[in-house]
């Protein structure tokens, strides 16, 4: 009986040590680094030196904004009761030429008070996805739930969603 109790305690200690080592390994090796310290050594005229430490932000390797397919956005847009915003990350001229119906131009979205909409998901799109990805990452870094449309408006048109695209009548 005593041997079983000692065995259980020993086993518990091993599990705790393994969990602690795994946590330490994660924090030191796997977690993305957000900033690094840069040390500058300045030499004075009198021969002395001073050390200056600067905080330098390092770009994170992880994406801030999520990606969504045209099909998924279509389903959310047509079947969900969730209040969402769709924002066109293209220029005003491109927006006037054609856009997803109900979408806001980026200029108008930038004037929005984001504190009033803390839990609203905002979907960004552009012609292909480059501008929308960049814009979504920018707003995601500022605390907005930003998602960009994979493939952009091109993919939206390709996926037979043309009835939800408004084109200007020229």
Foldseek 3Di string as FASTA:
>chain_A
DVVVVVVVVVVVVVVVVVVVVVVVCCVVPPDWDQWDKDWDWDADPVRDIDIDIDIDGDDTPDFLAAEDELVVVVCCVPPNPADAAEEELDDPVVVQAKDFPRHHYPVVVVPDDCVVPQPHEYEYFYQAWVSLSVVQSVVSVVRHRYYYYHGGPVRNVVVVVVVRMDGHDD
